[in-house]
Amino acid sequence: MLSEDFQIVAMKTFTIMLALILGSLYSTNLYADNRKRPMIDIEQTSKRLQDHVKALTVNIGERSVHVPENLKRTASYITSSYKDMGVSVHSQTYSYADLPVENIVAEISFSPNPQHRFLVGAHYDSVTGSVGADDNASAVAVQLEVARQLSTRMGKEILDLAVKFVSFALEEPPVYGTRHMGSRVYAKMARREKEQIDGMICLEMVGYTCREPGCQDYPFPLIFRDYPKTGNFIGIINNFKSREFAGKLAQQFQNNKQLPVLKLTVPFNGWVIPAVRLSDHASFWDKGFKAVMITDSAFYRNPYYHTAADTMDKLDFEFMAELVENLLLFFLSQR
């Protein structure tokens, strides 16, 4: 039996951890009303997002380590997309079990030596047996469309800004949690080379919505909070080090009344709620970088997570287009 003193200490520790989690929760005003009109054409953006997702999930299909030719086709598609935009792009090649894979790296810079440098990341592989429309073709599509929107503003906007777009080769099992994750390979290199990253934005499952009361779930202890019961919002997850960065993102996101946003700060790099570490932002947290995950909340909302039914007909492309608008609002505020 545990001693009484030990039980008291354990209870106090749990209480403190719970207080840290609950005390660090923050939700923006779910609807802001100061945007007069969108900065982008939502209808056209939705169509382009659909085209990207169709290319990734229908034309290419499953993008797991068990179908290496499709990983290569996906890397080629992403690379070609950046080249078509006129954006500089290269690959970071490494090996997994004798299989050569590559992170695709593109960059848009609005000045020769910008003060603000951000990284937008998304993994492009899918789990075995799934074409991964939400997980994670939705994120790659948004990543590409944000880059396209920024590229069209080169020479027109005066910004103190550089944005690097990194599409990570491997994130899903059996690679998840190993040193072969694309984001771990990149973050390790970035730390070694002392790359300036003022904030990493991880896009992880950003295309699924549900509007029936009770369709949105939350991990413990968030289930005890008065959060929305429908899934029409986007989430921003950050650790303590990234609070200021996440706050600036949320502030700009509030300028789009069409897309509700919730922000969650978690202590101890998310280890107290393991579910919030299940993507590429955690690779950057673990190397000391400021990073956030932007997500539709994955399996807490999407019942097709990691199944063959995760197909593009389930996605809300207007929702995704509004996220493109939000990210553009943030980047265009860097003056």
C-alpha atoms as a PDB file:
ATOM      1  CA  MET A   1       0.000   0.000   0.000  1.00  0.00           C
ATOM      2  CA  LEU A   2       1.197   3.533  -0.761  1.00  0.00           C
ATOM      3  CA  SER A   3       2.136   5.634   2.209  1.00  0.00           C
ATOM      4  CA  GLU A   4      -0.210   8.454   3.168  1.00  0.00           C
ATOM      5  CA  ASP A   5       2.498  11.048   2.424  1.00  0.00           C
ATOM      6  CA  PHE A   6       3.081   9.590  -1.028  1.00  0.00           C
ATOM      7  CA  GLN A   7      -0.642   9.617  -1.775  1.00  0.00           C
ATOM      8  CA  ILE A   8      -0.870  13.258  -0.743  1.00  0.00           C
ATOM      9  CA  VAL A   9       2.111  14.214  -2.916  1.00  0.00           C
ATOM     10  CA  ALA A  10       0.691  12.272  -5.883  1.00  0.00           C
ATOM     11  CA  MET A  11      -2.696  13.946  -5.508  1.00  0.00           C
ATOM     12  CA  LYS A  12      -1.112  17.388  -5.280  1.00  0.00           C
ATOM     13  CA  THR A  13       1.004  16.692  -8.362  1.00  0.00           C
ATOM     14  CA  PHE A  14      -2.044  15.593 -10.344  1.00  0.00           C
ATOM     15  CA  THR A  15      -4.006  18.633  -9.166  1.00  0.00           C
ATOM     16  CA  ILE A  16      -1.209  20.988 -10.203  1.00  0.00           C
ATOM     17  CA  MET A  17      -0.904  19.354 -13.624  1.00  0.00           C
ATOM     18  CA  LEU A  18      -4.652  19.535 -14.157  1.00  0.00           C
ATOM     19  CA  ALA A  19      -4.685  23.175 -13.106  1.00  0.00           C
ATOM     20  CA  LEU A  20      -1.851  23.929 -15.522  1.00  0.00           C
ATOM     21  CA  ILE A  21      -3.740  22.334 -18.383  1.00  0.00           C
ATOM     22  CA  LEU A  22      -7.116  23.880 -17.641  1.00  0.00           C
ATOM     23  CA  GLY A  23      -5.609  27.215 -16.706  1.00  0.00           C
ATOM     24  CA  SER A  24      -3.740  27.395 -19.976  1.00  0.00           C
ATOM     25  CA  LEU A  25      -6.772  26.814 -22.164  1.00  0.00           C
ATOM     26  CA  TYR A  26      -7.786  29.738 -24.240  1.00  0.00           C
ATOM     27  CA  SER A  27     -10.525  30.129 -26.797  1.00  0.00           C
ATOM     28  CA  THR A  28     -10.811  33.033 -29.170  1.00  0.00           C
ATOM     29  CA  ASN A  29     -14.089  34.770 -29.785  1.00  0.00           C
ATOM     30  CA  LEU A  30     -15.653  32.158 -32.023  1.00  0.00           C
ATOM     31  CA  TYR A  31     -16.836  34.744 -34.480  1.00  0.00           C
ATOM     32  CA  ALA A  32     -15.109  38.009 -35.249  1.00  0.00           C
ATOM     33  CA  ASP A  33     -16.994  40.585 -37.280  1.00  0.00           C
ATOM     34  CA  ASN A  34     -14.382  43.007 -38.561  1.00  0.00           C
ATOM     35  CA  ARG A  35     -13.596  41.346 -41.913  1.00  0.00           C
ATOM     36  CA  LYS A  36     -15.385  43.244 -44.676  1.00  0.00           C
ATOM     37  CA  ARG A  37     -14.584  40.774 -47.461  1.00  0.00           C
ATOM     38  CA  PRO A  38     -12.230  37.827 -47.981  1.00  0.00           C
ATOM     39  CA  MET A  39      -8.708  38.447 -49.260  1.00  0.00           C
ATOM     40  CA  ILE A  40      -9.006  35.468 -51.582  1.00  0.00           C
ATOM     41  CA  ASP A  41     -11.664  34.042 -53.887  1.00  0.00           C
ATOM     42  CA  ILE A  42     -13.069  31.288 -51.659  1.00  0.00           C
ATOM     43  CA  GLU A  43     -14.841  29.495 -54.508  1.00  0.00           C
ATOM     44  CA  GLN A  44     -11.780  29.380 -56.765  1.00  0.00           C
ATOM     45  CA  THR A  45      -9.547  28.435 -53.848  1.00  0.00           C
ATOM     46  CA  SER A  46     -11.902  25.576 -52.939  1.00  0.00           C
ATOM     47  CA  LYS A  47     -11.667  24.299 -56.510  1.00  0.00           C
ATOM     48  CA  ARG A  48      -7.870  24.368 -56.502  1.00  0.00           C
ATOM     49  CA  LEU A  49      -7.816  22.562 -53.158  1.00  0.00           C
ATOM     50  CA  GLN A  50     -10.080  19.878 -54.626  1.00  0.00           C
ATOM     51  CA  ASP A  51      -7.725  19.499 -57.579  1.00  0.00           C
ATOM     52  CA  HIS A  52      -4.750  18.946 -55.256  1.00  0.00           C
ATOM     53  CA  VAL A  53      -6.589  16.420 -53.104  1.00  0.00           C
ATOM     54  CA  LYS A  54      -7.842  14.566 -56.180  1.00  0.00           C
ATOM     55  CA  ALA A  55      -4.301  14.370 -57.553  1.00  0.00           C
ATOM     56  CA  LEU A  56      -2.996  13.000 -54.251  1.00  0.00           C
ATOM     57  CA  THR A  57      -5.795  10.586 -53.357  1.00  0.00           C
ATOM     58  CA  VAL A  58      -7.367   9.534 -56.657  1.00  0.00           C
ATOM     59  CA  ASN A  59      -4.622   9.866 -59.257  1.00  0.00           C
ATOM     60  CA  ILE A  60      -1.854   8.700 -56.899  1.00  0.00           C
ATOM     61  CA  GLY A  61      -3.713   6.901 -54.103  1.00  0.00           C
ATOM     62  CA  GLU A  62      -2.190   5.296 -51.017  1.00  0.00           C
ATOM     63  CA  ARG A  63       1.064   7.027 -50.066  1.00  0.00           C
ATOM     64  CA  SER A  64       2.505   4.693 -47.454  1.00  0.00           C
ATOM     65  CA  VAL A  65       5.996   3.209 -47.131  1.00  0.00           C
ATOM     66  CA  HIS A  66       4.520   0.016 -48.576  1.00  0.00           C
ATOM     67  CA  VAL A  67       3.846   1.784 -51.879  1.00  0.00           C
ATOM     68  CA  PRO A  68       7.184   3.587 -52.399  1.00  0.00           C
ATOM     69  CA  GLU A  69       6.452   4.419 -56.022  1.00  0.00           C
ATOM     70  CA  ASN A  70       3.501   6.535 -54.847  1.00  0.00           C
ATOM     71  CA  LEU A  71       5.661   8.369 -52.333  1.00  0.00           C
ATOM     72  CA  LYS A  72       7.957   9.247 -55.227  1.00  0.00           C
ATOM     73  CA  ARG A  73       5.022  10.324 -57.393  1.00  0.00           C
ATOM     74  CA  THR A  74       3.757  12.521 -54.552  1.00  0.00           C
ATOM     75  CA  ALA A  75       7.148  14.170 -54.075  1.00  0.00           C
ATOM     76  CA  SER A  76       7.229  14.860 -57.817  1.00  0.00           C
ATOM     77  CA  TYR A  77       3.723  16.330 -57.755  1.00  0.00           C
ATOM     78  CA  ILE A  78       4.565  18.690 -54.892  1.00  0.00           C
ATOM     79  CA  THR A  79       7.855  19.707 -56.510  1.00  0.00           C
ATOM     80  CA  SER A  80       6.154  20.384 -59.846  1.00  0.00           C
ATOM     81  CA  SER A  81       3.450  22.429 -58.124  1.00  0.00           C
ATOM     82  CA  TYR A  82       6.050  24.768 -56.616  1.00  0.00           C
ATOM     83  CA  LYS A  83       7.932  25.042 -59.904  1.00  0.00           C
ATOM     84  CA  ASP A  84       4.699  25.958 -61.679  1.00  0.00           C
ATOM     85  CA  MET A  85       4.288  28.807 -59.160  1.00  0.00           C
ATOM     86  CA  GLY A  86       7.824  30.002 -59.865  1.00  0.00           C
ATOM     87  CA  VAL A  87       8.847  29.149 -56.300  1.00  0.00           C
ATOM     88  CA  SER A  88      12.347  27.890 -55.507  1.00  0.00           C
ATOM     89  CA  VAL A  89      12.217  24.239 -54.399  1.00  0.00           C
ATOM     90  CA  HIS A  90      14.656  21.455 -53.499  1.00  0.00           C
ATOM     91  CA  SER A  91      14.604  18.101 -51.735  1.00  0.00           C
ATOM     92  CA  GLN A  92      16.198  16.821 -48.528  1.00  0.00           C
ATOM     93  CA  THR A  93      16.847  13.151 -49.247  1.00  0.00           C
ATOM     94  CA  TYR A  94      17.409  10.487 -46.602  1.00  0.00           C
ATOM     95  CA  SER A  95      16.917   6.734 -46.233  1.00  0.00           C
ATOM     96  CA  TYR A  96      14.436   4.589 -44.377  1.00  0.00           C
ATOM     97  CA  ALA A  97      15.209   0.847 -44.401  1.00  0.00           C
ATOM     98  CA  ASP A  98      17.162   1.266 -47.666  1.00  0.00           C
ATOM     99  CA  LEU A  99      14.254   3.209 -49.158  1.00  0.00           C
ATOM    100  CA  PRO A 100      15.253   6.693 -50.370  1.00  0.00           C
ATOM    101  CA  VAL A 101      12.659   9.290 -49.399  1.00  0.00           C
ATOM    102  CA  GLU A 102      12.635  13.058 -49.532  1.00  0.00           C
ATOM    103  CA  ASN A 103      11.334  16.074 -47.708  1.00  0.00           C
ATOM    104  CA  ILE A 104      10.314  18.728 -50.242  1.00  0.00           C
ATOM    105  CA  VAL A 105      11.465  22.230 -49.282  1.00  0.00           C
ATOM    106  CA  ALA A 106      10.273  25.437 -50.947  1.00  0.00           C
ATOM    107  CA  GLU A 107      10.776  29.038 -49.844  1.00  0.00           C
ATOM    108  CA  ILE A 108       9.222  32.409 -50.554  1.00  0.00           C
ATOM    109  CA  SER A 109      11.067  35.501 -49.334  1.00  0.00           C
ATOM    110  CA  PHE A 110       9.805  39.059 -49.607  1.00  0.00           C
ATOM    111  CA  SER A 111      13.134  40.726 -48.798  1.00  0.00           C
ATOM    112  CA  PRO A 112      16.856  39.856 -49.004  1.00  0.00           C
ATOM    113  CA  ASN A 113      17.254  39.485 -45.238  1.00  0.00           C
ATOM    114  CA  PRO A 114      13.809  39.227 -43.647  1.00  0.00           C
ATOM    115  CA  GLN A 115      13.430  39.565 -39.903  1.00  0.00           C
ATOM    116  CA  HIS A 116      10.473  37.145 -39.672  1.00  0.00           C
ATOM    117  CA  ARG A 117      11.010  33.547 -40.787  1.00  0.00           C
ATOM    118  CA  PHE A 118       8.316  30.902 -40.499  1.00  0.00           C
ATOM    119  CA  LEU A 119       7.985  27.277 -41.557  1.00  0.00           C
ATOM    120  CA  VAL A 120       4.762  25.637 -42.755  1.00  0.00           C
ATOM    121  CA  GLY A 121       4.986  21.852 -42.559  1.00  0.00           C
ATOM    122  CA  ALA A 122       2.726  18.943 -43.535  1.00  0.00           C
ATOM    123  CA  HIS A 123       3.427  15.247 -44.004  1.00  0.00           C
ATOM    124  CA  TYR A 124       2.452  13.837 -47.377  1.00  0.00           C
ATOM    125  CA  ASP A 125       2.392  10.118 -46.612  1.00  0.00           C
ATOM    126  CA  SER A 126      -0.751   8.203 -45.696  1.00  0.00           C
ATOM    127  CA  VAL A 127      -1.348   5.248 -43.429  1.00  0.00           C
ATOM    128  CA  THR A 128      -1.325   1.785 -44.991  1.00  0.00           C
ATOM    129  CA  GLY A 129      -4.652   0.906 -46.609  1.00  0.00           C
ATOM    130  CA  SER A 130      -5.885   4.501 -46.931  1.00  0.00           C
ATOM    131  CA  VAL A 131      -5.618   7.242 -49.533  1.00  0.00           C
ATOM    132  CA  GLY A 132      -5.564   9.694 -46.614  1.00  0.00           C
ATOM    133  CA  ALA A 133      -7.757  12.528 -47.858  1.00  0.00           C
ATOM    134  CA  ASP A 134      -8.000  14.301 -44.515  1.00  0.00           C
ATOM    135  CA  ASP A 135      -4.840  12.632 -43.188  1.00  0.00           C
ATOM    136  CA  ASN A 136      -3.001  14.326 -44.729  1.00  0.00           C
ATOM    137  CA  ALA A 137      -3.773  15.327 -48.307  1.00  0.00           C
ATOM    138  CA  SER A 138      -5.963  18.134 -46.930  1.00  0.00           C
ATOM    139  CA  ALA A 139      -2.941  19.696 -45.235  1.00  0.00           C
ATOM    140  CA  VAL A 140      -0.664  19.378 -48.269  1.00  0.00           C
ATOM    141  CA  ALA A 141      -3.353  21.022 -50.404  1.00  0.00           C
ATOM    142  CA  VAL A 142      -3.660  23.956 -47.978  1.00  0.00           C
ATOM    143  CA  GLN A 143       0.135  24.193 -47.797  1.00  0.00           C
ATOM    144  CA  LEU A 144       0.395  24.435 -51.593  1.00  0.00           C
ATOM    145  CA  GLU A 145      -2.429  26.947 -51.875  1.00  0.00           C
ATOM    146  CA  VAL A 146      -0.969  29.229 -49.193  1.00  0.00           C
ATOM    147  CA  ALA A 147       2.316  29.168 -51.099  1.00  0.00           C
ATOM    148  CA  ARG A 148       0.499  30.000 -54.331  1.00  0.00           C
ATOM    149  CA  GLN A 149      -1.340  32.904 -52.705  1.00  0.00           C
ATOM    150  CA  LEU A 150       1.915  34.307 -51.322  1.00  0.00           C
ATOM    151  CA  SER A 151       3.764  33.817 -54.603  1.00  0.00           C
ATOM    152  CA  THR A 152       1.189  35.945 -56.446  1.00  0.00           C
ATOM    153  CA  ARG A 153       1.942  38.785 -54.034  1.00  0.00           C
ATOM    154  CA  MET A 154       5.679  38.871 -54.679  1.00  0.00           C
ATOM    155  CA  GLY A 155       6.606  42.368 -55.823  1.00  0.00           C
ATOM    156  CA  LYS A 156       3.209  43.698 -54.746  1.00  0.00           C
ATOM    157  CA  GLU A 157       3.441  43.471 -50.957  1.00  0.00           C
ATOM    158  CA  ILE A 158       6.188  45.006 -48.805  1.00  0.00           C
ATOM    159  CA  LEU A 159       6.735  42.383 -46.114  1.00  0.00           C
ATOM    160  CA  ASP A 160       9.574  41.634 -43.715  1.00  0.00           C
ATOM    161  CA  LEU A 161       8.956  37.944 -44.226  1.00  0.00           C
ATOM    162  CA  ALA A 162      10.231  34.603 -45.461  1.00  0.00           C
ATOM    163  CA  VAL A 163       8.111  31.462 -45.398  1.00  0.00           C
ATOM    164  CA  LYS A 164       9.587  28.001 -45.875  1.00  0.00           C
ATOM    165  CA  PHE A 165       7.205  25.212 -46.903  1.00  0.00           C
ATOM    166  CA  VAL A 166       8.369  21.714 -45.972  1.00  0.00           C
ATOM    167  CA  SER A 167       6.406  18.645 -47.042  1.00  0.00           C
ATOM    168  CA  PHE A 168       7.587  15.790 -44.835  1.00  0.00           C
ATOM    169  CA  ALA A 169       8.066  12.346 -46.379  1.00  0.00           C
ATOM    170  CA  LEU A 170       7.149  10.066 -43.483  1.00  0.00           C
ATOM    171  CA  GLU A 171       4.988  10.544 -40.408  1.00  0.00           C
ATOM    172  CA  GLU A 172       2.613   7.582 -40.279  1.00  0.00           C
ATOM    173  CA  PRO A 173       3.280   4.141 -38.717  1.00  0.00           C
ATOM    174  CA  PRO A 174       5.530   2.201 -38.834  1.00  0.00           C
ATOM    175  CA  VAL A 175       7.791   5.268 -38.999  1.00  0.00           C
ATOM    176  CA  TYR A 176       5.967   7.398 -36.430  1.00  0.00           C
ATOM    177  CA  GLY A 177       8.039   7.999 -33.299  1.00  0.00           C
ATOM    178  CA  THR A 178      11.323   6.970 -34.913  1.00  0.00           C
ATOM    179  CA  ARG A 179      14.253   9.071 -36.061  1.00  0.00           C
ATOM    180  CA  HIS A 180      13.149   8.466 -39.661  1.00  0.00           C
ATOM    181  CA  MET A 181      10.119  10.752 -39.452  1.00  0.00           C
ATOM    182  CA  GLY A 182      10.598  13.472 -42.041  1.00  0.00           C
ATOM    183  CA  SER A 183      10.008  16.190 -39.475  1.00  0.00           C
ATOM    184  CA  ARG A 184      12.578  14.711 -37.080  1.00  0.00           C
ATOM    185  CA  VAL A 185      15.150  14.586 -39.853  1.00  0.00           C
ATOM    186  CA  TYR A 186      14.449  18.210 -40.747  1.00  0.00           C
ATOM    187  CA  ALA A 187      14.253  19.539 -37.164  1.00  0.00           C
ATOM    188  CA  LYS A 188      17.528  17.843 -36.261  1.00  0.00           C
ATOM    189  CA  MET A 189      19.234  19.442 -39.244  1.00  0.00           C
ATOM    190  CA  ALA A 190      17.675  22.835 -38.485  1.00  0.00           C
ATOM    191  CA  ARG A 191      18.924  22.745 -34.893  1.00  0.00           C
ATOM    192  CA  ARG A 192      22.401  21.633 -35.977  1.00  0.00           C
ATOM    193  CA  GLU A 193      22.632  24.404 -38.562  1.00  0.00           C
ATOM    194  CA  LYS A 194      21.029  26.971 -36.215  1.00  0.00           C
ATOM    195  CA  GLU A 195      18.301  27.789 -38.717  1.00  0.00           C
ATOM    196  CA  GLN A 196      16.144  30.751 -37.759  1.00  0.00           C
ATOM    197  CA  ILE A 197      12.572  29.545 -37.333  1.00  0.00           C
ATOM    198  CA  ASP A 198      10.413  32.102 -35.541  1.00  0.00           C
ATOM    199  CA  GLY A 199       7.485  29.723 -35.617  1.00  0.00           C
ATOM    200  CA  MET A 200       6.701  26.344 -37.162  1.00  0.00           C
ATOM    201  CA  ILE A 201       3.114  25.755 -38.318  1.00  0.00           C
ATOM    202  CA  CYS A 202       2.210  22.082 -38.606  1.00  0.00           C
ATOM    203  CA  LEU A 203      -0.868  21.402 -40.724  1.00  0.00           C
ATOM    204  CA  GLU A 204      -2.392  18.108 -39.595  1.00  0.00           C
ATOM    205  CA  MET A 205      -5.798  16.993 -40.865  1.00  0.00           C
ATOM    206  CA  VAL A 206      -7.515  20.267 -41.745  1.00  0.00           C
ATOM    207  CA  GLY A 207     -10.420  19.277 -43.983  1.00  0.00           C
ATOM    208  CA  TYR A 208     -13.162  17.521 -42.020  1.00  0.00           C
ATOM    209  CA  THR A 209     -16.176  19.171 -40.399  1.00  0.00           C
ATOM    210  CA  CYS A 210     -19.251  17.795 -38.652  1.00  0.00           C
ATOM    211  CA  ARG A 211     -22.299  19.792 -37.630  1.00  0.00           C
ATOM    212  CA  GLU A 212     -24.485  17.385 -35.680  1.00  0.00           C
ATOM    213  CA  PRO A 213     -24.559  18.140 -31.919  1.00  0.00           C
ATOM    214  CA  GLY A 214     -22.256  15.719 -30.116  1.00  0.00           C
ATOM    215  CA  CYS A 215     -20.112  14.852 -33.150  1.00  0.00           C
ATOM    216  CA  GLN A 216     -17.090  16.675 -31.702  1.00  0.00           C
ATOM    217  CA  ASP A 217     -15.133  14.936 -28.942  1.00  0.00           C
ATOM    218  CA  TYR A 218     -12.132  15.964 -26.812  1.00  0.00           C
ATOM    219  CA  PRO A 219      -9.347  14.224 -24.887  1.00  0.00           C
ATOM    220  CA  PHE A 220      -9.270  14.101 -21.086  1.00  0.00           C
ATOM    221  CA  PRO A 221      -9.423  16.525 -19.288  1.00  0.00           C
ATOM    222  CA  LEU A 222     -10.816  18.800 -22.001  1.00  0.00           C
ATOM    223  CA  ILE A 223     -14.082  16.857 -21.998  1.00  0.00           C
ATOM    224  CA  PHE A 224     -14.992  18.765 -18.834  1.00  0.00           C
ATOM    225  CA  ARG A 225     -14.742  22.147 -20.528  1.00  0.00           C
ATOM    226  CA  ASP A 226     -17.612  23.943 -22.216  1.00  0.00           C
ATOM    227  CA  TYR A 227     -16.275  23.483 -25.721  1.00  0.00           C
ATOM    228  CA  PRO A 228     -18.359  23.311 -28.921  1.00  0.00           C
ATOM    229  CA  LYS A 229     -20.197  20.040 -29.481  1.00  0.00           C
ATOM    230  CA  THR A 230     -20.095  20.481 -33.249  1.00  0.00           C
ATOM    231  CA  GLY A 231     -16.940  20.346 -35.344  1.00  0.00           C
ATOM    232  CA  ASN A 232     -16.863  23.443 -37.511  1.00  0.00           C
ATOM    233  CA  PHE A 233     -13.812  25.133 -35.910  1.00  0.00           C
ATOM    234  CA  ILE A 234     -10.072  24.903 -36.474  1.00  0.00           C
ATOM    235  CA  GLY A 235      -7.767  24.241 -33.544  1.00  0.00           C
ATOM    236  CA  ILE A 236      -4.371  25.733 -32.674  1.00  0.00           C
ATOM    237  CA  ILE A 237      -2.300  23.582 -30.287  1.00  0.00           C
ATOM    238  CA  ASN A 238       0.863  24.981 -28.713  1.00  0.00           C
ATOM    239  CA  ASN A 239       3.284  24.367 -25.866  1.00  0.00           C
ATOM    240  CA  PHE A 240       4.276  27.003 -23.283  1.00  0.00           C
ATOM    241  CA  LYS A 241       7.283  28.200 -25.299  1.00  0.00           C
ATOM    242  CA  SER A 242       5.032  28.840 -28.300  1.00  0.00           C
ATOM    243  CA  ARG A 243       2.287  30.771 -26.476  1.00  0.00           C
ATOM    244  CA  GLU A 244       3.154  34.195 -27.893  1.00  0.00           C
ATOM    245  CA  PHE A 245       3.467  32.849 -31.432  1.00  0.00           C
ATOM    246  CA  ALA A 246       0.155  30.990 -31.133  1.00  0.00           C
ATOM    247  CA  GLY A 247      -1.499  34.093 -29.718  1.00  0.00           C
ATOM    248  CA  LYS A 248      -0.457  36.159 -32.726  1.00  0.00           C
ATOM    249  CA  LEU A 249      -1.795  33.495 -35.054  1.00  0.00           C
ATOM    250  CA  ALA A 250      -5.110  33.356 -33.204  1.00  0.00           C
ATOM    251  CA  GLN A 251      -5.372  37.146 -33.217  1.00  0.00           C
ATOM    252  CA  GLN A 252      -5.130  37.228 -37.004  1.00  0.00           C
ATOM    253  CA  PHE A 253      -7.413  34.213 -37.395  1.00  0.00           C
ATOM    254  CA  GLN A 254     -10.108  36.117 -35.509  1.00  0.00           C
ATOM    255  CA  ASN A 255     -10.290  38.537 -38.413  1.00  0.00           C
ATOM    256  CA  ASN A 256     -12.068  35.854 -40.428  1.00  0.00           C
ATOM    257  CA  LYS A 257     -15.575  35.483 -39.073  1.00  0.00           C
ATOM    258  CA  GLN A 258     -16.247  32.494 -41.327  1.00  0.00           C
ATOM    259  CA  LEU A 259     -13.879  30.140 -39.490  1.00  0.00           C
ATOM    260  CA  PRO A 260     -14.168  29.737 -35.702  1.00  0.00           C
ATOM    261  CA  VAL A 261     -10.876  28.999 -33.954  1.00  0.00           C
ATOM    262  CA  LEU A 262      -9.940  27.488 -30.597  1.00  0.00           C
ATOM    263  CA  LYS A 263      -6.453  27.658 -29.074  1.00  0.00           C
ATOM    264  CA  LEU A 264      -5.028  25.237 -26.531  1.00  0.00           C
ATOM    265  CA  THR A 265      -1.773  25.627 -24.612  1.00  0.00           C
ATOM    266  CA  VAL A 266      -0.392  22.424 -23.103  1.00  0.00           C
ATOM    267  CA  PRO A 267       2.454  22.142 -20.542  1.00  0.00           C
ATOM    268  CA  PHE A 268       5.445  19.795 -20.599  1.00  0.00           C
ATOM    269  CA  ASN A 269       5.616  19.735 -24.418  1.00  0.00           C
ATOM    270  CA  GLY A 270       2.272  17.945 -24.465  1.00  0.00           C
ATOM    271  CA  TRP A 271       3.357  14.801 -22.640  1.00  0.00           C
ATOM    272  CA  VAL A 272       0.434  15.134 -20.197  1.00  0.00           C
ATOM    273  CA  ILE A 273      -1.999  14.830 -23.142  1.00  0.00           C
ATOM    274  CA  PRO A 274      -0.177  12.469 -25.530  1.00  0.00           C
ATOM    275  CA  ALA A 275      -2.815  12.908 -28.253  1.00  0.00           C
ATOM    276  CA  VAL A 276      -1.665  16.498 -28.844  1.00  0.00           C
ATOM    277  CA  ARG A 277       1.830  15.273 -29.776  1.00  0.00           C
ATOM    278  CA  LEU A 278       0.698  13.040 -32.631  1.00  0.00           C
ATOM    279  CA  SER A 279       2.149  15.048 -35.497  1.00  0.00           C
ATOM    280  CA  ASP A 280       5.201  16.837 -36.822  1.00  0.00           C
ATOM    281  CA  HIS A 281       5.088  19.881 -34.540  1.00  0.00           C
ATOM    282  CA  ALA A 282       6.313  17.673 -31.670  1.00  0.00           C
ATOM    283  CA  SER A 283       9.574  17.080 -33.549  1.00  0.00           C
ATOM    284  CA  PHE A 284      10.168  20.820 -33.408  1.00  0.00           C
ATOM    285  CA  TRP A 285       9.050  21.162 -29.780  1.00  0.00           C
ATOM    286  CA  ASP A 286      11.592  18.501 -28.840  1.00  0.00           C
ATOM    287  CA  LYS A 287      14.385  20.476 -30.540  1.00  0.00           C
ATOM    288  CA  GLY A 288      13.431  23.699 -28.758  1.00  0.00           C
ATOM    289  CA  PHE A 289      11.659  25.470 -31.618  1.00  0.00           C
ATOM    290  CA  LYS A 290       8.400  27.373 -31.292  1.00  0.00           C
ATOM    291  CA  ALA A 291       5.728  25.346 -33.065  1.00  0.00           C
ATOM    292  CA  VAL A 292       1.967  24.914 -33.275  1.00  0.00           C
ATOM    293  CA  MET A 293      -0.315  22.284 -34.737  1.00  0.00           C
ATOM    294  CA  ILE A 294      -3.300  23.510 -36.731  1.00  0.00           C
ATOM    295  CA  THR A 295      -5.897  20.779 -36.978  1.00  0.00           C
ATOM    296  CA  ASP A 296      -9.536  19.794 -37.352  1.00  0.00           C
ATOM    297  CA  SER A 297      -8.884  17.625 -34.234  1.00  0.00           C
ATOM    298  CA  ALA A 298      -8.363  14.362 -36.170  1.00  0.00           C
ATOM    299  CA  PHE A 299     -10.023  11.301 -34.590  1.00  0.00           C
ATOM    300  CA  TYR A 300     -11.849  13.459 -32.055  1.00  0.00           C
ATOM    301  CA  ARG A 301     -14.005  14.566 -34.997  1.00  0.00           C
ATOM    302  CA  ASN A 302     -13.320  12.451 -38.054  1.00  0.00           C
ATOM    303  CA  PRO A 303     -14.728   8.888 -37.765  1.00  0.00           C
ATOM    304  CA  TYR A 304     -12.859   7.848 -40.931  1.00  0.00           C
ATOM    305  CA  TYR A 305      -9.414   8.464 -39.425  1.00  0.00           C
ATOM    306  CA  HIS A 306      -6.880   5.852 -40.606  1.00  0.00           C
ATOM    307  CA  THR A 307      -9.448   3.919 -42.622  1.00  0.00           C
ATOM    308  CA  ALA A 308     -10.052   3.236 -46.298  1.00  0.00           C
ATOM    309  CA  ALA A 309     -13.070   5.568 -46.028  1.00  0.00           C
ATOM    310  CA  ASP A 310     -10.876   8.661 -45.566  1.00  0.00           C
ATOM    311  CA  THR A 311     -11.699   9.889 -49.060  1.00  0.00           C
ATOM    312  CA  MET A 312     -12.087  13.308 -50.615  1.00  0.00           C
ATOM    313  CA  ASP A 313     -15.890  13.185 -50.765  1.00  0.00           C
ATOM    314  CA  LYS A 314     -15.860  13.537 -46.948  1.00  0.00           C
ATOM    315  CA  LEU A 315     -13.964  16.839 -46.962  1.00  0.00           C
ATOM    316  CA  ASP A 316     -15.232  20.397 -46.579  1.00  0.00           C
ATOM    317  CA  PHE A 317     -13.227  22.352 -49.156  1.00  0.00           C
ATOM    318  CA  GLU A 318     -14.766  25.712 -48.280  1.00  0.00           C
ATOM    319  CA  PHE A 319     -13.609  25.153 -44.680  1.00  0.00           C
ATOM    320  CA  MET A 320     -10.111  24.478 -46.029  1.00  0.00           C
ATOM    321  CA  ALA A 321     -10.237  27.608 -48.184  1.00  0.00           C
ATOM    322  CA  GLU A 322     -11.116  29.685 -45.132  1.00  0.00           C
ATOM    323  CA  LEU A 323      -8.001  28.292 -43.430  1.00  0.00           C
ATOM    324  CA  VAL A 324      -5.936  29.447 -46.420  1.00  0.00           C
ATOM    325  CA  GLU A 325      -7.452  32.885 -45.837  1.00  0.00           C
ATOM    326  CA  ASN A 326      -6.510  32.762 -42.140  1.00  0.00           C
ATOM    327  CA  LEU A 327      -2.902  31.816 -42.799  1.00  0.00           C
ATOM    328  CA  LEU A 328      -2.645  34.528 -45.431  1.00  0.00           C
ATOM    329  CA  LEU A 329      -3.974  37.061 -42.922  1.00  0.00           C
ATOM    330  CA  PHE A 330      -1.180  36.107 -40.548  1.00  0.00           C
ATOM    331  CA  PHE A 331       1.625  36.205 -43.100  1.00  0.00           C
ATOM    332  CA  LEU A 332       0.512  39.487 -44.629  1.00  0.00           C
ATOM    333  CA  SER A 333       0.614  41.077 -41.165  1.00  0.00           C
ATOM    334  CA  GLN A 334       4.410  40.631 -41.010  1.00  0.00           C
ATOM    335  CA  ARG A 335       5.518  44.117 -42.035  1.00  0.00           C
END
